[in-house]
Amino acid sequence: MPRPRRRKGRPLLVLALLIVLFPVVSVLTTALIPPPVTILMLQRLAAGDGLDYRWRSLNRISPHLVASAIAAEDARFCSHRGFDMEAIQKALDHNDAGGRVRGGSTISQQTAKNVFLWPQRSWVRKGLEAGYTVLIETIWGKRRIMEVYLNVAEMGPGVYGAEAAARHWFGVSAADLTPQQAARLAAILPSPRRYKAAPPGPYVRRRAARVQANARIVRNQGLATCVTG
């Protein structure tokens, strides 16, 4: 009698192991090769947006865009371990006060969501996002996280990543982005389907000016050294 019971338990054990191992294997794999198309890309493609996704190594992406992304999205990117508790608390306080809803996600969290998960908000997704964030911080490291982020982030309707966005908006390669162009791309990251990097509207011009000024602070204070060395 004990043997059949052990056999019945084996499928559950195998399933549990697969559930644990799948995220680890997927993160290990994408540490070495570019991620394939993401769930968001497929959803947008099905909706008729098209798909322009051109992988470029971080060495072929302008450091101006690295600084601008940190300035716009995650000023403490190099100093946190995936979660910026101060930014999360500020976002909660802001939202409780009845202001415009603001998120506190780091670049690491956004990358985990973009690559491995779906865009719709839910507690399940947020829980999985936290787990994947810990994994990529541990396995990938900051430089790889930034490289993947700048390659898969949505930067326009059907446009993903620095190279496709640089070509789409400015007709240049990602390596040749100027500080102003990089700031404009970073400025539209929160709502890339609503705003245009070129020609920029009043909101994007104002936000890009702030991003460009803060990007200079990022460079001058060494806030991007975990990526640029």
C-alpha atoms as a PDB file:
ATOM      1  CA  MET A   1       0.000   0.000   0.000  1.00  0.00           C
ATOM      2  CA  PRO A   2       2.687   2.618   0.704  1.00  0.00           C
ATOM      3  CA  ARG A   3       4.064   2.311  -2.837  1.00  0.00           C
ATOM      4  CA  PRO A   4       0.899   3.474  -4.661  1.00  0.00           C
ATOM      5  CA  ARG A   5       0.739   6.483  -2.347  1.00  0.00           C
ATOM      6  CA  ARG A   6       4.303   7.426  -3.231  1.00  0.00           C
ATOM      7  CA  ARG A   7       3.484   7.075  -6.925  1.00  0.00           C
ATOM      8  CA  LYS A   8       0.454   9.351  -6.561  1.00  0.00           C
ATOM      9  CA  GLY A   9       2.633  11.983  -4.982  1.00  0.00           C
ATOM     10  CA  ARG A  10       5.245  11.946  -7.714  1.00  0.00           C
ATOM     11  CA  PRO A  11       3.253  13.917 -10.332  1.00  0.00           C
ATOM     12  CA  LEU A  12       2.614  16.659  -7.782  1.00  0.00           C
ATOM     13  CA  LEU A  13       6.293  16.732  -6.877  1.00  0.00           C
ATOM     14  CA  VAL A  14       7.273  16.947 -10.543  1.00  0.00           C
ATOM     15  CA  LEU A  15       4.743  19.740 -11.102  1.00  0.00           C
ATOM     16  CA  ALA A  16       6.075  21.659  -8.096  1.00  0.00           C
ATOM     17  CA  LEU A  17       9.631  21.295  -9.362  1.00  0.00           C
ATOM     18  CA  LEU A  18       8.631  22.523 -12.813  1.00  0.00           C
ATOM     19  CA  ILE A  19       6.863  25.545 -11.325  1.00  0.00           C
ATOM     20  CA  VAL A  20      10.003  26.416  -9.368  1.00  0.00           C
ATOM     21  CA  LEU A  21      12.498  25.617 -12.113  1.00  0.00           C
ATOM     22  CA  PHE A  22      10.755  27.250 -15.081  1.00  0.00           C
ATOM     23  CA  PRO A  23      11.381  30.863 -13.961  1.00  0.00           C
ATOM     24  CA  VAL A  24      15.003  30.053 -13.086  1.00  0.00           C
ATOM     25  CA  VAL A  25      15.636  28.371 -16.438  1.00  0.00           C
ATOM     26  CA  SER A  26      13.956  31.190 -18.374  1.00  0.00           C
ATOM     27  CA  VAL A  27      16.023  33.830 -16.570  1.00  0.00           C
ATOM     28  CA  LEU A  28      19.235  31.850 -17.090  1.00  0.00           C
ATOM     29  CA  THR A  29      18.441  31.480 -20.790  1.00  0.00           C
ATOM     30  CA  THR A  30      17.727  35.166 -21.339  1.00  0.00           C
ATOM     31  CA  ALA A  31      20.916  36.040 -19.498  1.00  0.00           C
ATOM     32  CA  LEU A  32      22.741  34.677 -22.535  1.00  0.00           C
ATOM     33  CA  ILE A  33      20.467  35.274 -25.530  1.00  0.00           C
ATOM     34  CA  PRO A  34      18.106  38.108 -26.484  1.00  0.00           C
ATOM     35  CA  PRO A  35      14.541  37.572 -25.279  1.00  0.00           C
ATOM     36  CA  PRO A  36      12.089  36.511 -27.995  1.00  0.00           C
ATOM     37  CA  VAL A  37       8.976  38.557 -28.626  1.00  0.00           C
ATOM     38  CA  THR A  38       7.059  39.386 -25.467  1.00  0.00           C
ATOM     39  CA  ILE A  39       3.398  38.936 -24.572  1.00  0.00           C
ATOM     40  CA  LEU A  40       2.839  42.682 -24.968  1.00  0.00           C
ATOM     41  CA  MET A  41       4.406  42.637 -28.442  1.00  0.00           C
ATOM     42  CA  LEU A  42       2.104  39.813 -29.505  1.00  0.00           C
ATOM     43  CA  GLN A  43      -0.946  41.580 -28.068  1.00  0.00           C
ATOM     44  CA  ARG A  44      -0.108  44.793 -29.902  1.00  0.00           C
ATOM     45  CA  LEU A  45       0.608  42.873 -33.110  1.00  0.00           C
ATOM     46  CA  ALA A  46      -2.782  41.140 -32.907  1.00  0.00           C
ATOM     47  CA  ALA A  47      -4.390  44.576 -32.453  1.00  0.00           C
ATOM     48  CA  GLY A  48      -2.771  45.775 -35.687  1.00  0.00           C
ATOM     49  CA  ASP A  49       0.149  47.825 -34.389  1.00  0.00           C
ATOM     50  CA  GLY A  50       2.876  45.970 -36.285  1.00  0.00           C
ATOM     51  CA  LEU A  51       6.154  44.838 -34.765  1.00  0.00           C
ATOM     52  CA  ASP A  52       9.539  46.575 -35.019  1.00  0.00           C
ATOM     53  CA  TYR A  53      11.983  44.928 -32.582  1.00  0.00           C
ATOM     54  CA  ARG A  54      15.709  45.173 -33.296  1.00  0.00           C
ATOM     55  CA  TRP A  55      18.091  43.866 -30.648  1.00  0.00           C
ATOM     56  CA  ARG A  56      21.271  45.846 -30.035  1.00  0.00           C
ATOM     57  CA  SER A  57      23.964  45.181 -27.441  1.00  0.00           C
ATOM     58  CA  LEU A  58      24.403  47.870 -24.806  1.00  0.00           C
ATOM     59  CA  ASN A  59      27.699  48.846 -26.448  1.00  0.00           C
ATOM     60  CA  ARG A  60      25.671  49.911 -29.491  1.00  0.00           C
ATOM     61  CA  ILE A  61      23.203  52.066 -27.532  1.00  0.00           C
ATOM     62  CA  SER A  62      24.062  55.658 -26.683  1.00  0.00           C
ATOM     63  CA  PRO A  63      25.062  56.191 -23.045  1.00  0.00           C
ATOM     64  CA  HIS A  64      22.861  59.294 -23.230  1.00  0.00           C
ATOM     65  CA  LEU A  65      19.852  56.977 -23.355  1.00  0.00           C
ATOM     66  CA  VAL A  66      21.103  54.992 -20.355  1.00  0.00           C
ATOM     67  CA  ALA A  67      21.427  58.203 -18.328  1.00  0.00           C
ATOM     68  CA  SER A  68      18.064  59.483 -19.542  1.00  0.00           C
ATOM     69  CA  ALA A  69      16.291  56.233 -18.670  1.00  0.00           C
ATOM     70  CA  ILE A  70      17.733  56.287 -15.151  1.00  0.00           C
ATOM     71  CA  ALA A  71      16.852  59.966 -14.780  1.00  0.00           C
ATOM     72  CA  ALA A  72      13.282  59.454 -15.968  1.00  0.00           C
ATOM     73  CA  GLU A  73      12.373  56.059 -14.547  1.00  0.00           C
ATOM     74  CA  ASP A  74      14.625  54.988 -11.679  1.00  0.00           C
ATOM     75  CA  ALA A  75      17.136  57.422 -10.186  1.00  0.00           C
ATOM     76  CA  ARG A  76      18.374  54.844  -7.649  1.00  0.00           C
ATOM     77  CA  PHE A  77      18.742  52.038 -10.183  1.00  0.00           C
ATOM     78  CA  CYS A  78      22.388  51.403  -9.296  1.00  0.00           C
ATOM     79  CA  SER A  79      21.863  51.428  -5.542  1.00  0.00           C
ATOM     80  CA  HIS A  80      18.757  49.295  -4.992  1.00  0.00           C
ATOM     81  CA  ARG A  81      18.380  45.529  -5.294  1.00  0.00           C
ATOM     82  CA  GLY A  82      15.319  45.574  -7.510  1.00  0.00           C
ATOM     83  CA  PHE A  83      12.851  47.475  -5.321  1.00  0.00           C
ATOM     84  CA  ASP A  84      12.976  51.161  -4.415  1.00  0.00           C
ATOM     85  CA  MET A  85      11.022  51.270  -1.164  1.00  0.00           C
ATOM     86  CA  GLU A  86      11.272  55.059  -0.928  1.00  0.00           C
ATOM     87  CA  ALA A  87       9.754  55.501  -4.398  1.00  0.00           C
ATOM     88  CA  ILE A  88       7.021  52.966  -3.603  1.00  0.00           C
ATOM     89  CA  GLN A  89       6.104  54.805  -0.399  1.00  0.00           C
ATOM     90  CA  LYS A  90       6.021  58.158  -2.207  1.00  0.00           C
ATOM     91  CA  ALA A  91       3.757  56.677  -4.876  1.00  0.00           C
ATOM     92  CA  LEU A  92       1.409  55.254  -2.218  1.00  0.00           C
ATOM     93  CA  ASP A  93       1.272  58.580  -0.386  1.00  0.00           C
ATOM     94  CA  HIS A  94       0.629  60.435  -3.635  1.00  0.00           C
ATOM     95  CA  ASN A  95      -2.153  58.060  -4.669  1.00  0.00           C
ATOM     96  CA  ASP A  96      -3.754  58.154  -1.190  1.00  0.00           C
ATOM     97  CA  ALA A  97      -3.836  61.932  -1.407  1.00  0.00           C
ATOM     98  CA  GLY A  98      -6.059  61.634  -4.462  1.00  0.00           C
ATOM     99  CA  GLY A  99      -3.551  62.779  -7.055  1.00  0.00           C
ATOM    100  CA  ARG A 100      -2.988  61.274 -10.466  1.00  0.00           C
ATOM    101  CA  VAL A 101      -2.158  57.589 -10.000  1.00  0.00           C
ATOM    102  CA  ARG A 102       1.606  57.121  -9.941  1.00  0.00           C
ATOM    103  CA  GLY A 103       3.607  53.916 -10.000  1.00  0.00           C
ATOM    104  CA  GLY A 104       6.760  53.120  -8.046  1.00  0.00           C
ATOM    105  CA  SER A 105       8.164  50.358 -10.230  1.00  0.00           C
ATOM    106  CA  THR A 106      11.893  50.246 -10.800  1.00  0.00           C
ATOM    107  CA  ILE A 107      13.561  49.534 -14.131  1.00  0.00           C
ATOM    108  CA  SER A 108      14.243  46.032 -12.800  1.00  0.00           C
ATOM    109  CA  GLN A 109      10.546  45.453 -12.089  1.00  0.00           C
ATOM    110  CA  GLN A 110       9.521  46.865 -15.454  1.00  0.00           C
ATOM    111  CA  THR A 111      12.017  44.597 -17.204  1.00  0.00           C
ATOM    112  CA  ALA A 112      10.756  41.525 -15.346  1.00  0.00           C
ATOM    113  CA  LYS A 113       7.189  42.374 -16.352  1.00  0.00           C
ATOM    114  CA  ASN A 114       8.048  43.249 -19.954  1.00  0.00           C
ATOM    115  CA  VAL A 115      10.038  40.092 -20.665  1.00  0.00           C
ATOM    116  CA  PHE A 116       8.313  37.353 -18.687  1.00  0.00           C
ATOM    117  CA  LEU A 117       4.768  38.482 -17.880  1.00  0.00           C
ATOM    118  CA  TRP A 118       1.647  40.175 -19.219  1.00  0.00           C
ATOM    119  CA  PRO A 119       0.838  43.911 -18.977  1.00  0.00           C
ATOM    120  CA  GLN A 120      -2.583  43.796 -17.271  1.00  0.00           C
ATOM    121  CA  ARG A 121      -2.469  44.656 -13.562  1.00  0.00           C
ATOM    122  CA  SER A 122      -3.354  41.990 -10.998  1.00  0.00           C
ATOM    123  CA  TRP A 123      -2.080  40.773  -7.632  1.00  0.00           C
ATOM    124  CA  VAL A 124      -0.950  37.528  -9.265  1.00  0.00           C
ATOM    125  CA  ARG A 125       1.113  39.390 -11.827  1.00  0.00           C
ATOM    126  CA  LYS A 126       2.612  41.666  -9.185  1.00  0.00           C
ATOM    127  CA  GLY A 127       3.608  38.641  -7.113  1.00  0.00           C
ATOM    128  CA  LEU A 128       5.254  36.940 -10.090  1.00  0.00           C
ATOM    129  CA  GLU A 129       6.888  40.228 -11.047  1.00  0.00           C
ATOM    130  CA  ALA A 130       8.500  40.448  -7.608  1.00  0.00           C
ATOM    131  CA  GLY A 131       9.870  36.923  -7.946  1.00  0.00           C
ATOM    132  CA  TYR A 132      11.278  37.535 -11.403  1.00  0.00           C
ATOM    133  CA  THR A 133      12.773  40.831 -10.226  1.00  0.00           C
ATOM    134  CA  VAL A 134      14.749  39.038  -7.527  1.00  0.00           C
ATOM    135  CA  LEU A 135      15.916  36.466 -10.076  1.00  0.00           C
ATOM    136  CA  ILE A 136      17.139  38.937 -12.699  1.00  0.00           C
ATOM    137  CA  GLU A 137      18.861  41.083 -10.073  1.00  0.00           C
ATOM    138  CA  THR A 138      20.651  37.950  -8.827  1.00  0.00           C
ATOM    139  CA  ILE A 139      21.398  36.219 -12.137  1.00  0.00           C
ATOM    140  CA  TRP A 140      21.635  39.010 -14.698  1.00  0.00           C
ATOM    141  CA  GLY A 141      23.041  41.971 -12.808  1.00  0.00           C
ATOM    142  CA  LYS A 142      22.473  45.659 -13.505  1.00  0.00           C
ATOM    143  CA  ARG A 143      24.176  45.939 -16.887  1.00  0.00           C
ATOM    144  CA  ARG A 144      22.166  43.090 -18.414  1.00  0.00           C
ATOM    145  CA  ILE A 145      18.943  44.411 -16.889  1.00  0.00           C
ATOM    146  CA  MET A 146      19.509  47.793 -18.517  1.00  0.00           C
ATOM    147  CA  GLU A 147      20.465  46.172 -21.819  1.00  0.00           C
ATOM    148  CA  VAL A 148      17.277  44.111 -21.913  1.00  0.00           C
ATOM    149  CA  TYR A 149      15.122  47.005 -20.726  1.00  0.00           C
ATOM    150  CA  LEU A 150      16.351  49.326 -23.460  1.00  0.00           C
ATOM    151  CA  ASN A 151      15.738  46.630 -26.068  1.00  0.00           C
ATOM    152  CA  VAL A 152      12.200  45.538 -25.175  1.00  0.00           C
ATOM    153  CA  ALA A 153      10.563  48.695 -23.775  1.00  0.00           C
ATOM    154  CA  GLU A 154       7.665  49.979 -25.852  1.00  0.00           C
ATOM    155  CA  MET A 155       8.638  53.327 -27.391  1.00  0.00           C
ATOM    156  CA  GLY A 156       5.828  53.894 -29.854  1.00  0.00           C
ATOM    157  CA  PRO A 157       2.957  52.007 -31.505  1.00  0.00           C
ATOM    158  CA  GLY A 158       4.559  48.738 -32.615  1.00  0.00           C
ATOM    159  CA  VAL A 159       8.020  50.091 -31.813  1.00  0.00           C
ATOM    160  CA  TYR A 160      10.164  48.292 -29.223  1.00  0.00           C
ATOM    161  CA  GLY A 161      13.629  49.072 -27.999  1.00  0.00           C
ATOM    162  CA  ALA A 162      16.244  51.748 -28.554  1.00  0.00           C
ATOM    163  CA  GLU A 163      17.260  50.863 -32.106  1.00  0.00           C
ATOM    164  CA  ALA A 164      13.743  50.650 -33.521  1.00  0.00           C
ATOM    165  CA  ALA A 165      12.743  53.833 -31.664  1.00  0.00           C
ATOM    166  CA  ALA A 166      15.793  55.795 -32.786  1.00  0.00           C
ATOM    167  CA  ARG A 167      15.118  54.819 -36.393  1.00  0.00           C
ATOM    168  CA  HIS A 168      11.380  55.436 -36.122  1.00  0.00           C
ATOM    169  CA  TRP A 169      11.459  58.826 -34.438  1.00  0.00           C
ATOM    170  CA  PHE A 170      14.766  60.347 -35.548  1.00  0.00           C
ATOM    171  CA  GLY A 171      16.138  58.332 -38.464  1.00  0.00           C
ATOM    172  CA  VAL A 172      19.389  57.528 -36.644  1.00  0.00           C
ATOM    173  CA  SER A 173      20.874  54.478 -34.950  1.00  0.00           C
ATOM    174  CA  ALA A 174      20.594  53.969 -31.197  1.00  0.00           C
ATOM    175  CA  ALA A 175      24.345  54.511 -30.924  1.00  0.00           C
ATOM    176  CA  ASP A 176      24.034  58.015 -32.411  1.00  0.00           C
ATOM    177  CA  LEU A 177      21.264  59.420 -30.237  1.00  0.00           C
ATOM    178  CA  THR A 178      21.996  62.934 -28.999  1.00  0.00           C
ATOM    179  CA  PRO A 179      21.270  63.957 -25.383  1.00  0.00           C
ATOM    180  CA  GLN A 180      18.094  65.735 -26.530  1.00  0.00           C
ATOM    181  CA  GLN A 181      16.861  62.775 -28.585  1.00  0.00           C
ATOM    182  CA  ALA A 182      17.612  60.350 -25.749  1.00  0.00           C
ATOM    183  CA  ALA A 183      15.702  62.570 -23.318  1.00  0.00           C
ATOM    184  CA  ARG A 184      12.700  62.652 -25.639  1.00  0.00           C
ATOM    185  CA  LEU A 185      12.623  58.859 -25.878  1.00  0.00           C
ATOM    186  CA  ALA A 186      12.811  58.578 -22.095  1.00  0.00           C
ATOM    187  CA  ALA A 187      10.110  61.231 -21.763  1.00  0.00           C
ATOM    188  CA  ILE A 188       7.543  59.133 -23.655  1.00  0.00           C
ATOM    189  CA  LEU A 189       8.287  55.858 -21.828  1.00  0.00           C
ATOM    190  CA  PRO A 190       5.347  56.082 -19.401  1.00  0.00           C
ATOM    191  CA  SER A 191       2.842  56.473 -22.287  1.00  0.00           C
ATOM    192  CA  PRO A 192       4.551  55.616 -25.597  1.00  0.00           C
ATOM    193  CA  ARG A 193       1.261  55.184 -27.449  1.00  0.00           C
ATOM    194  CA  ARG A 194      -0.063  58.550 -26.324  1.00  0.00           C
ATOM    195  CA  TYR A 195       2.951  60.791 -26.842  1.00  0.00           C
ATOM    196  CA  LYS A 196       5.380  61.355 -29.714  1.00  0.00           C
ATOM    197  CA  ALA A 197       9.125  61.838 -29.429  1.00  0.00           C
ATOM    198  CA  ALA A 198       9.145  63.705 -32.754  1.00  0.00           C
ATOM    199  CA  PRO A 199       7.715  66.151 -33.305  1.00  0.00           C
ATOM    200  CA  PRO A 200       7.201  66.550 -29.552  1.00  0.00           C
ATOM    201  CA  GLY A 201       4.131  68.198 -28.116  1.00  0.00           C
ATOM    202  CA  PRO A 202       4.289  70.697 -25.226  1.00  0.00           C
ATOM    203  CA  TYR A 203       4.176  68.008 -22.533  1.00  0.00           C
ATOM    204  CA  VAL A 204       6.993  65.954 -24.079  1.00  0.00           C
ATOM    205  CA  ARG A 205       9.124  69.074 -24.594  1.00  0.00           C
ATOM    206  CA  ARG A 206       8.752  70.050 -20.943  1.00  0.00           C
ATOM    207  CA  ARG A 207       9.322  66.557 -19.622  1.00  0.00           C
ATOM    208  CA  ALA A 208      12.272  65.959 -21.969  1.00  0.00           C
ATOM    209  CA  ALA A 209      13.915  69.165 -20.756  1.00  0.00           C
ATOM    210  CA  ARG A 210      13.649  67.948 -17.151  1.00  0.00           C
ATOM    211  CA  VAL A 211      14.925  64.487 -18.116  1.00  0.00           C
ATOM    212  CA  GLN A 212      17.897  65.970 -19.978  1.00  0.00           C
ATOM    213  CA  ALA A 213      18.801  68.149 -16.996  1.00  0.00           C
ATOM    214  CA  ASN A 214      18.498  65.200 -14.609  1.00  0.00           C
ATOM    215  CA  ALA A 215      20.501  63.000 -16.980  1.00  0.00           C
ATOM    216  CA  ARG A 216      23.406  65.414 -16.575  1.00  0.00           C
ATOM    217  CA  ILE A 217      23.119  64.934 -12.811  1.00  0.00           C
ATOM    218  CA  VAL A 218      23.092  61.159 -13.305  1.00  0.00           C
ATOM    219  CA  ARG A 219      26.329  61.363 -15.297  1.00  0.00           C
ATOM    220  CA  ASN A 220      28.028  63.938 -13.057  1.00  0.00           C
ATOM    221  CA  GLN A 221      27.211  62.072  -9.825  1.00  0.00           C
ATOM    222  CA  GLY A 222      28.076  58.635 -11.185  1.00  0.00           C
ATOM    223  CA  LEU A 223      24.542  57.291 -10.790  1.00  0.00           C
ATOM    224  CA  ALA A 224      24.932  55.103 -13.884  1.00  0.00           C
ATOM    225  CA  THR A 225      28.293  53.525 -13.090  1.00  0.00           C
ATOM    226  CA  CYS A 226      26.736  50.087 -12.523  1.00  0.00           C
ATOM    227  CA  VAL A 227      25.910  50.142 -16.234  1.00  0.00           C
ATOM    228  CA  THR A 228      28.533  52.313 -17.891  1.00  0.00           C
ATOM    229  CA  GLY A 229      31.477  51.417 -15.634  1.00  0.00           C
END
